Amino acid sequence: MRHDHIAATQCLAGTIPALKPTARASGTTTIQQSLRAQFNAAAGWIGRQMERRRSRRALLEMTDDQLKDIGLSRGEAYGEFSRRLWD
């Protein structure tokens, strides 16, 4: 039997106390979870900005009649397209 299997068997049998995870091990997991959450949030933000950019570009590709149907002028469509990404 491997050493870790022996230790697990002894722990289950109650002959040695169970080992608790160290603060460092659980801290590493917390940091990894935090980084993963931050990465997912950043990826979501980038995805929303890209969709906003596509929508603004689609306004420029519309005809004047289509813009009129949604209540915008060509100048307003261009103004919306020209806005900064985070606006």
PDB file of N, CA and C in Angstrom:
ATOM      1  N   MET A   1       0.835  -1.194   0.000  1.00  0.00           N
ATOM      2  CA  MET A   1       0.000   0.000   0.000  1.00  0.00           C
ATOM      3  C   MET A   1       0.872   1.247   0.000  1.00  0.00           C
ATOM      4  N   ARG A   2       0.404   2.263  -0.715  1.00  0.00           N
ATOM      5  CA  ARG A   2       1.145   3.524  -0.730  1.00  0.00           C
ATOM      6  C   ARG A   2       0.970   4.225   0.607  1.00  0.00           C
ATOM      7  N   HIS A   3       1.884   5.137   0.882  1.00  0.00           N
ATOM      8  CA  HIS A   3       1.889   5.854   2.159  1.00  0.00           C
ATOM      9  C   HIS A   3       0.593   6.650   2.371  1.00  0.00           C
ATOM     10  N   ASP A   4       0.124   7.339   1.324  1.00  0.00           N
ATOM     11  CA  ASP A   4      -1.085   8.135   1.477  1.00  0.00           C
ATOM     12  C   ASP A   4      -2.326   7.265   1.676  1.00  0.00           C
ATOM     13  N   HIS A   5      -2.315   6.042   1.111  1.00  0.00           N
ATOM     14  CA  HIS A   5      -3.426   5.116   1.327  1.00  0.00           C
ATOM     15  C   HIS A   5      -3.414   4.603   2.760  1.00  0.00           C
ATOM     16  N   ILE A   6      -2.228   4.337   3.278  1.00  0.00           N
ATOM     17  CA  ILE A   6      -2.110   3.877   4.664  1.00  0.00           C
ATOM     18  C   ILE A   6      -2.601   4.961   5.616  1.00  0.00           C
ATOM     19  N   ALA A   7      -2.200   6.202   5.371  1.00  0.00           N
ATOM     20  CA  ALA A   7      -2.621   7.305   6.228  1.00  0.00           C
ATOM     21  C   ALA A   7      -4.135   7.479   6.167  1.00  0.00           C
ATOM     22  N   ALA A   8      -4.710   7.354   4.986  1.00  0.00           N
ATOM     23  CA  ALA A   8      -6.159   7.493   4.853  1.00  0.00           C
ATOM     24  C   ALA A   8      -6.877   6.356   5.573  1.00  0.00           C
ATOM     25  N   THR A   9      -6.348   5.137   5.468  1.00  0.00           N
ATOM     26  CA  THR A   9      -6.952   3.994   6.147  1.00  0.00           C
ATOM     27  C   THR A   9      -6.883   4.172   7.654  1.00  0.00           C
ATOM     28  N   GLN A  10      -5.750   4.638   8.157  1.00  0.00           N
ATOM     29  CA  GLN A  10      -5.601   4.867   9.594  1.00  0.00           C
ATOM     30  C   GLN A  10      -6.537   5.969  10.065  1.00  0.00           C
ATOM     31  N   CYS A  11      -6.685   6.990   9.261  1.00  0.00           N
ATOM     32  CA  CYS A  11      -7.559   8.103   9.621  1.00  0.00           C
ATOM     33  C   CYS A  11      -9.005   7.635   9.696  1.00  0.00           C
ATOM     34  N   LEU A  12      -9.427   6.843   8.717  1.00  0.00           N
ATOM     35  CA  LEU A  12     -10.793   6.324   8.712  1.00  0.00           C
ATOM     36  C   LEU A  12     -11.029   5.368   9.883  1.00  0.00           C
ATOM     37  N   ALA A  13      -9.997   4.620  10.254  1.00  0.00           N
ATOM     38  CA  ALA A  13     -10.122   3.683  11.363  1.00  0.00           C
ATOM     39  C   ALA A  13     -10.097   4.402  12.710  1.00  0.00           C
ATOM     40  N   GLY A  14      -9.711   5.668  12.712  1.00  0.00           N
ATOM     41  CA  GLY A  14      -9.674   6.434  13.954  1.00  0.00           C
ATOM     42  C   GLY A  14      -8.387   6.293  14.727  1.00  0.00           C
ATOM     43  N   THR A  15      -7.365   5.715  14.119  1.00  0.00           N
ATOM     44  CA  THR A  15      -6.110   5.533  14.839  1.00  0.00           C
ATOM     45  C   THR A  15      -5.232   6.775  14.792  1.00  0.00           C
ATOM     46  N   ILE A  16      -5.408   7.671  13.809  1.00  0.00           N
ATOM     47  CA  ILE A  16      -4.689   8.932  13.798  1.00  0.00           C
ATOM     48  C   ILE A  16      -5.705  10.041  13.529  1.00  0.00           C
ATOM     49  N   PRO A  17      -5.460  11.231  14.039  1.00  0.00           N
ATOM     50  CA  PRO A  17      -6.409  12.312  13.810  1.00  0.00           C
ATOM     51  C   PRO A  17      -6.377  12.765  12.360  1.00  0.00           C
ATOM     52  N   ALA A  18      -7.488  13.259  11.878  1.00  0.00           N
ATOM     53  CA  ALA A  18      -7.574  13.766  10.509  1.00  0.00           C
ATOM     54  C   ALA A  18      -6.759  15.040  10.385  1.00  0.00           C
ATOM     55  N   LEU A  19      -6.107  15.206   9.269  1.00  0.00           N
ATOM     56  CA  LEU A  19      -5.326  16.407   9.013  1.00  0.00           C
ATOM     57  C   LEU A  19      -6.241  17.494   8.481  1.00  0.00           C
ATOM     58  N   LYS A  20      -6.084  18.685   9.002  1.00  0.00           N
ATOM     59  CA  LYS A  20      -6.863  19.817   8.516  1.00  0.00           C
ATOM     60  C   LYS A  20      -6.055  20.528   7.439  1.00  0.00           C
ATOM     61  N   PRO A  21      -6.734  21.104   6.448  1.00  0.00           N
ATOM     62  CA  PRO A  21      -5.981  21.838   5.426  1.00  0.00           C
ATOM     63  C   PRO A  21      -5.300  23.054   6.041  1.00  0.00           C
ATOM     64  N   THR A  22      -4.129  23.330   5.562  1.00  0.00           N
ATOM     65  CA  THR A  22      -3.402  24.473   6.085  1.00  0.00           C
ATOM     66  C   THR A  22      -4.009  25.759   5.558  1.00  0.00           C
ATOM     67  N   ALA A  23      -3.710  26.854   6.209  1.00  0.00           N
ATOM     68  CA  ALA A  23      -4.224  28.155   5.788  1.00  0.00           C
ATOM     69  C   ALA A  23      -3.703  28.498   4.392  1.00  0.00           C
ATOM     70  N   ARG A  24      -2.486  28.093   4.116  1.00  0.00           N
ATOM     71  CA  ARG A  24      -1.902  28.396   2.808  1.00  0.00           C
ATOM     72  C   ARG A  24      -2.656  27.686   1.688  1.00  0.00           C
ATOM     73  N   ALA A  25      -2.992  26.426   1.915  1.00  0.00           N
ATOM     74  CA  ALA A  25      -3.708  25.672   0.888  1.00  0.00           C
ATOM     75  C   ALA A  25      -5.083  26.278   0.632  1.00  0.00           C
ATOM     76  N   SER A  26      -5.801  26.617   1.666  1.00  0.00           N
ATOM     77  CA  SER A  26      -7.128  27.182   1.462  1.00  0.00           C
ATOM     78  C   SER A  26      -7.022  28.603   0.929  1.00  0.00           C
ATOM     79  N   GLY A  27      -5.961  29.341   1.287  1.00  0.00           N
ATOM     80  CA  GLY A  27      -5.759  30.680   0.753  1.00  0.00           C
ATOM     81  C   GLY A  27      -5.490  30.655  -0.736  1.00  0.00           C
ATOM     82  N   THR A  28      -4.751  29.649  -1.182  1.00  0.00           N
ATOM     83  CA  THR A  28      -4.460  29.505  -2.602  1.00  0.00           C
ATOM     84  C   THR A  28      -5.743  29.252  -3.381  1.00  0.00           C
ATOM     85  N   THR A  29      -6.594  28.406  -2.829  1.00  0.00           N
ATOM     86  CA  THR A  29      -7.867  28.127  -3.483  1.00  0.00           C
ATOM     87  C   THR A  29      -8.703  29.389  -3.569  1.00  0.00           C
ATOM     88  N   THR A  30      -8.721  30.175  -2.504  1.00  0.00           N
ATOM     89  CA  THR A  30      -9.489  31.409  -2.495  1.00  0.00           C
ATOM     90  C   THR A  30      -8.953  32.387  -3.538  1.00  0.00           C
ATOM     91  N   ILE A  31      -7.640  32.485  -3.650  1.00  0.00           N
ATOM     92  CA  ILE A  31      -7.031  33.378  -4.641  1.00  0.00           C
ATOM     93  C   ILE A  31      -7.386  32.904  -6.044  1.00  0.00           C
ATOM     94  N   GLN A  32      -7.316  31.597  -6.276  1.00  0.00           N
ATOM     95  CA  GLN A  32      -7.661  31.063  -7.590  1.00  0.00           C
ATOM     96  C   GLN A  32      -9.127  31.323  -7.925  1.00  0.00           C
ATOM     97  N   GLN A  33      -9.996  31.139  -6.939  1.00  0.00           N
ATOM     98  CA  GLN A  33     -11.419  31.398  -7.167  1.00  0.00           C
ATOM     99  C   GLN A  33     -11.650  32.877  -7.456  1.00  0.00           C
ATOM    100  N   SER A  34     -10.950  33.735  -6.726  1.00  0.00           N
ATOM    101  CA  SER A  34     -11.088  35.173  -6.936  1.00  0.00           C
ATOM    102  C   SER A  34     -10.599  35.569  -8.326  1.00  0.00           C
ATOM    103  N   LEU A  35      -9.457  35.045  -8.729  1.00  0.00           N
ATOM    104  CA  LEU A  35      -8.928  35.350 -10.055  1.00  0.00           C
ATOM    105  C   LEU A  35      -9.857  34.837 -11.153  1.00  0.00           C
ATOM    106  N   ARG A  36     -10.399  33.641 -10.944  1.00  0.00           N
ATOM    107  CA  ARG A  36     -11.331  33.092 -11.930  1.00  0.00           C
ATOM    108  C   ARG A  36     -12.575  33.971 -12.034  1.00  0.00           C
ATOM    109  N   ALA A  37     -13.091  34.422 -10.898  1.00  0.00           N
ATOM    110  CA  ALA A  37     -14.271  35.292 -10.900  1.00  0.00           C
ATOM    111  C   ALA A  37     -13.969  36.624 -11.581  1.00  0.00           C
ATOM    112  N   GLN A  38     -12.789  37.178 -11.314  1.00  0.00           N
ATOM    113  CA  GLN A  38     -12.408  38.439 -11.943  1.00  0.00           C
ATOM    114  C   GLN A  38     -12.222  38.262 -13.448  1.00  0.00           C
ATOM    115  N   PHE A  39     -11.637  37.154 -13.843  1.00  0.00           N
ATOM    116  CA  PHE A  39     -11.459  36.875 -15.263  1.00  0.00           C
ATOM    117  C   PHE A  39     -12.811  36.740 -15.956  1.00  0.00           C
ATOM    118  N   ASN A  40     -13.733  36.006 -15.330  1.00  0.00           N
ATOM    119  CA  ASN A  40     -15.069  35.838 -15.907  1.00  0.00           C
ATOM    120  C   ASN A  40     -15.801  37.167 -16.001  1.00  0.00           C
ATOM    121  N   ALA A  41     -15.648  38.019 -14.987  1.00  0.00           N
ATOM    122  CA  ALA A  41     -16.286  39.334 -15.018  1.00  0.00           C
ATOM    123  C   ALA A  41     -15.706  40.183 -16.144  1.00  0.00           C
ATOM    124  N   ALA A  42     -14.388  40.153 -16.306  1.00  0.00           N
ATOM    125  CA  ALA A  42     -13.742  40.922 -17.374  1.00  0.00           C
ATOM    126  C   ALA A  42     -14.160  40.398 -18.748  1.00  0.00           C
ATOM    127  N   ALA A  43     -14.222  39.079 -18.892  1.00  0.00           N
ATOM    128  CA  ALA A  43     -14.642  38.499 -20.169  1.00  0.00           C
ATOM    129  C   ALA A  43     -16.085  38.880 -20.485  1.00  0.00           C
ATOM    130  N   GLY A  44     -16.932  38.892 -19.473  1.00  0.00           N
ATOM    131  CA  GLY A  44     -18.323  39.308 -19.676  1.00  0.00           C
ATOM    132  C   GLY A  44     -18.422  40.760 -20.091  1.00  0.00           C
ATOM    133  N   TRP A  45     -17.625  41.626 -19.447  1.00  0.00           N
ATOM    134  CA  TRP A  45     -17.623  43.046 -19.788  1.00  0.00           C
ATOM    135  C   TRP A  45     -17.179  43.247 -21.234  1.00  0.00           C
ATOM    136  N   ILE A  46     -16.118  42.557 -21.622  1.00  0.00           N
ATOM    137  CA  ILE A  46     -15.613  42.675 -22.994  1.00  0.00           C
ATOM    138  C   ILE A  46     -16.673  42.192 -23.984  1.00  0.00           C
ATOM    139  N   GLY A  47     -17.339  41.108 -23.669  1.00  0.00           N
ATOM    140  CA  GLY A  47     -18.392  40.600 -24.542  1.00  0.00           C
ATOM    141  C   GLY A  47     -19.534  41.591 -24.699  1.00  0.00           C
ATOM    142  N   ARG A  48     -19.931  42.239 -23.587  1.00  0.00           N
ATOM    143  CA  ARG A  48     -21.000  43.242 -23.667  1.00  0.00           C
ATOM    144  C   ARG A  48     -20.567  44.443 -24.495  1.00  0.00           C
ATOM    145  N   GLN A  49     -19.310  44.861 -24.356  1.00  0.00           N
ATOM    146  CA  GLN A  49     -18.815  45.997 -25.132  1.00  0.00           C
ATOM    147  C   GLN A  49     -18.759  45.666 -26.619  1.00  0.00           C
ATOM    148  N   MET A  50     -18.368  44.450 -26.940  1.00  0.00           N
ATOM    149  CA  MET A  50     -18.320  44.039 -28.346  1.00  0.00           C
ATOM    150  C   MET A  50     -19.728  44.014 -28.937  1.00  0.00           C
ATOM    151  N   GLU A  51     -20.701  43.538 -28.175  1.00  0.00           N
ATOM    152  CA  GLU A  51     -22.082  43.522 -28.650  1.00  0.00           C
ATOM    153  C   GLU A  51     -22.603  44.944 -28.843  1.00  0.00           C
ATOM    154  N   ARG A  52     -22.264  45.831 -27.926  1.00  0.00           N
ATOM    155  CA  ARG A  52     -22.668  47.232 -28.056  1.00  0.00           C
ATOM    156  C   ARG A  52     -22.061  47.844 -29.320  1.00  0.00           C
ATOM    157  N   ARG A  53     -20.804  47.515 -29.589  1.00  0.00           N
ATOM    158  CA  ARG A  53     -20.129  48.033 -30.782  1.00  0.00           C
ATOM    159  C   ARG A  53     -20.809  47.516 -32.057  1.00  0.00           C
ATOM    160  N   ARG A  54     -21.155  46.221 -32.057  1.00  0.00           N
ATOM    161  CA  ARG A  54     -21.853  45.651 -33.218  1.00  0.00           C
ATOM    162  C   ARG A  54     -23.200  46.330 -33.432  1.00  0.00           C
ATOM    163  N   SER A  55     -23.914  46.591 -32.336  1.00  0.00           N
ATOM    164  CA  SER A  55     -25.218  47.257 -32.454  1.00  0.00           C
ATOM    165  C   SER A  55     -25.067  48.666 -33.014  1.00  0.00           C
ATOM    166  N   ARG A  56     -24.071  49.382 -32.550  1.00  0.00           N
ATOM    167  CA  ARG A  56     -23.835  50.744 -33.036  1.00  0.00           C
ATOM    168  C   ARG A  56     -23.441  50.732 -34.508  1.00  0.00           C
ATOM    169  N   ARG A  57     -22.649  49.741 -34.912  1.00  0.00           N
ATOM    170  CA  ARG A  57     -22.257  49.630 -36.314  1.00  0.00           C
ATOM    171  C   ARG A  57     -23.472  49.288 -37.179  1.00  0.00           C
ATOM    172  N   ALA A  58     -24.372  48.463 -36.635  1.00  0.00           N
ATOM    173  CA  ALA A  58     -25.579  48.095 -37.383  1.00  0.00           C
ATOM    174  C   ALA A  58     -26.446  49.320 -37.643  1.00  0.00           C
ATOM    175  N   LEU A  59     -26.446  50.283 -36.718  1.00  0.00           N
ATOM    176  CA  LEU A  59     -27.210  51.513 -36.943  1.00  0.00           C
ATOM    177  C   LEU A  59     -26.720  52.239 -38.187  1.00  0.00           C
ATOM    178  N   LEU A  60     -25.406  52.269 -38.382  1.00  0.00           N
ATOM    179  CA  LEU A  60     -24.856  52.954 -39.555  1.00  0.00           C
ATOM    180  C   LEU A  60     -25.203  52.251 -40.858  1.00  0.00           C
ATOM    181  N   GLU A  61     -25.419  50.957 -40.792  1.00  0.00           N
ATOM    182  CA  GLU A  61     -25.724  50.193 -41.995  1.00  0.00           C
ATOM    183  C   GLU A  61     -27.198  50.266 -42.383  1.00  0.00           C
ATOM    184  N   MET A  62     -28.035  50.828 -41.496  1.00  0.00           N
ATOM    185  CA  MET A  62     -29.467  50.941 -41.799  1.00  0.00           C
ATOM    186  C   MET A  62     -29.719  52.051 -42.813  1.00  0.00           C
ATOM    187  N   THR A  63     -30.794  51.874 -43.550  1.00  0.00           N
ATOM    188  CA  THR A  63     -31.211  52.919 -44.492  1.00  0.00           C
ATOM    189  C   THR A  63     -31.899  54.036 -43.700  1.00  0.00           C
ATOM    190  N   ASP A  64     -32.087  55.160 -44.367  1.00  0.00           N
ATOM    191  CA  ASP A  64     -32.771  56.285 -43.717  1.00  0.00           C
ATOM    192  C   ASP A  64     -34.203  55.918 -43.316  1.00  0.00           C
ATOM    193  N   ASP A  65     -34.870  55.124 -44.149  1.00  0.00           N
ATOM    194  CA  ASP A  65     -36.233  54.698 -43.825  1.00  0.00           C
ATOM    195  C   ASP A  65     -36.254  53.798 -42.583  1.00  0.00           C
ATOM    196  N   GLN A  66     -35.276  52.894 -42.493  1.00  0.00           N
ATOM    197  CA  GLN A  66     -35.195  52.017 -41.315  1.00  0.00           C
ATOM    198  C   GLN A  66     -34.917  52.831 -40.054  1.00  0.00           C
ATOM    199  N   LEU A  67     -34.009  53.800 -40.144  1.00  0.00           N
ATOM    200  CA  LEU A  67     -33.717  54.665 -38.995  1.00  0.00           C
ATOM    201  C   LEU A  67     -34.956  55.460 -38.596  1.00  0.00           C
ATOM    202  N   LYS A  68     -35.703  55.926 -39.586  1.00  0.00           N
ATOM    203  CA  LYS A  68     -36.925  56.684 -39.316  1.00  0.00           C
ATOM    204  C   LYS A  68     -37.940  55.812 -38.570  1.00  0.00           C
ATOM    205  N   ASP A  69     -38.017  54.522 -38.943  1.00  0.00           N
ATOM    206  CA  ASP A  69     -38.937  53.590 -38.285  1.00  0.00           C
ATOM    207  C   ASP A  69     -38.641  53.431 -36.794  1.00  0.00           C
ATOM    208  N   ILE A  70     -37.369  53.521 -36.432  1.00  0.00           N
ATOM    209  CA  ILE A  70     -37.023  53.385 -35.007  1.00  0.00           C
ATOM    210  C   ILE A  70     -36.838  54.742 -34.332  1.00  0.00           C
ATOM    211  N   GLY A  71     -37.112  55.804 -35.060  1.00  0.00           N
ATOM    212  CA  GLY A  71     -37.103  57.140 -34.470  1.00  0.00           C
ATOM    213  C   GLY A  71     -35.749  57.803 -34.373  1.00  0.00           C
ATOM    214  N   LEU A  72     -34.841  57.451 -35.269  1.00  0.00           N
ATOM    215  CA  LEU A  72     -33.505  58.065 -35.273  1.00  0.00           C
ATOM    216  C   LEU A  72     -33.223  58.709 -36.615  1.00  0.00           C
ATOM    217  N   SER A  73     -32.401  59.746 -36.571  1.00  0.00           N
ATOM    218  CA  SER A  73     -31.930  60.358 -37.810  1.00  0.00           C
ATOM    219  C   SER A  73     -30.539  59.799 -38.120  1.00  0.00           C
ATOM    220  N   ARG A  74     -30.048  60.066 -39.323  1.00  0.00           N
ATOM    221  CA  ARG A  74     -28.708  59.624 -39.704  1.00  0.00           C
ATOM    222  C   ARG A  74     -27.663  60.242 -38.772  1.00  0.00           C
ATOM    223  N   GLY A  75     -27.842  61.508 -38.408  1.00  0.00           N
ATOM    224  CA  GLY A  75     -26.907  62.182 -37.502  1.00  0.00           C
ATOM    225  C   GLY A  75     -26.896  61.556 -36.111  1.00  0.00           C
ATOM    226  N   GLU A  76     -28.072  61.185 -35.609  1.00  0.00           N
ATOM    227  CA  GLU A  76     -28.139  60.529 -34.292  1.00  0.00           C
ATOM    228  C   GLU A  76     -27.487  59.152 -34.331  1.00  0.00           C
ATOM    229  N   ALA A  77     -27.677  58.429 -35.427  1.00  0.00           N
ATOM    230  CA  ALA A  77     -27.038  57.112 -35.576  1.00  0.00           C
ATOM    231  C   ALA A  77     -25.519  57.265 -35.591  1.00  0.00           C
ATOM    232  N   TYR A  78     -25.040  58.266 -36.326  1.00  0.00           N
ATOM    233  CA  TYR A  78     -23.596  58.495 -36.372  1.00  0.00           C
ATOM    234  C   TYR A  78     -23.071  58.924 -35.000  1.00  0.00           C
ATOM    235  N   GLY A  79     -23.836  59.764 -34.313  1.00  0.00           N
ATOM    236  CA  GLY A  79     -23.437  60.185 -32.963  1.00  0.00           C
ATOM    237  C   GLY A  79     -23.352  59.012 -32.005  1.00  0.00           C
ATOM    238  N   GLU A  80     -24.297  58.088 -32.116  1.00  0.00           N
ATOM    239  CA  GLU A  80     -24.270  56.878 -31.270  1.00  0.00           C
ATOM    240  C   GLU A  80     -23.073  56.012 -31.615  1.00  0.00           C
ATOM    241  N   PHE A  81     -22.794  55.884 -32.895  1.00  0.00           N
ATOM    242  CA  PHE A  81     -21.642  55.084 -33.326  1.00  0.00           C
ATOM    243  C   PHE A  81     -20.331  55.684 -32.841  1.00  0.00           C
ATOM    244  N   SER A  82     -20.266  57.000 -32.796  1.00  0.00           N
ATOM    245  CA  SER A  82     -19.026  57.689 -32.446  1.00  0.00           C
ATOM    246  C   SER A  82     -18.742  57.713 -30.946  1.00  0.00           C
ATOM    247  N   ARG A  83     -19.690  57.290 -30.134  1.00  0.00           N
ATOM    248  CA  ARG A  83     -19.475  57.310 -28.688  1.00  0.00           C
ATOM    249  C   ARG A  83     -18.346  56.370 -28.289  1.00  0.00           C
ATOM    250  N   ARG A  84     -17.737  56.675 -27.163  1.00  0.00           N
ATOM    251  CA  ARG A  84     -16.674  55.800 -26.658  1.00  0.00           C
ATOM    252  C   ARG A  84     -17.259  54.457 -26.262  1.00  0.00           C
ATOM    253  N   LEU A  85     -16.416  53.466 -26.242  1.00  0.00           N
ATOM    254  CA  LEU A  85     -16.846  52.096 -25.990  1.00  0.00           C
ATOM    255  C   LEU A  85     -17.540  51.957 -24.627  1.00  0.00           C
ATOM    256  N   TRP A  86     -17.058  52.647 -23.616  1.00  0.00           N
ATOM    257  CA  TRP A  86     -17.595  52.482 -22.263  1.00  0.00           C
ATOM    258  C   TRP A  86     -18.762  53.412 -21.958  1.00  0.00           C
ATOM    259  N   ASP A  87     -19.160  54.253 -22.912  1.00  0.00           N
ATOM    260  CA  ASP A  87     -20.313  55.133 -22.711  1.00  0.00           C
ATOM    261  C   ASP A  87     -21.611  54.379 -22.901  1.00  0.00           C
TER     262      ASP A  87
END
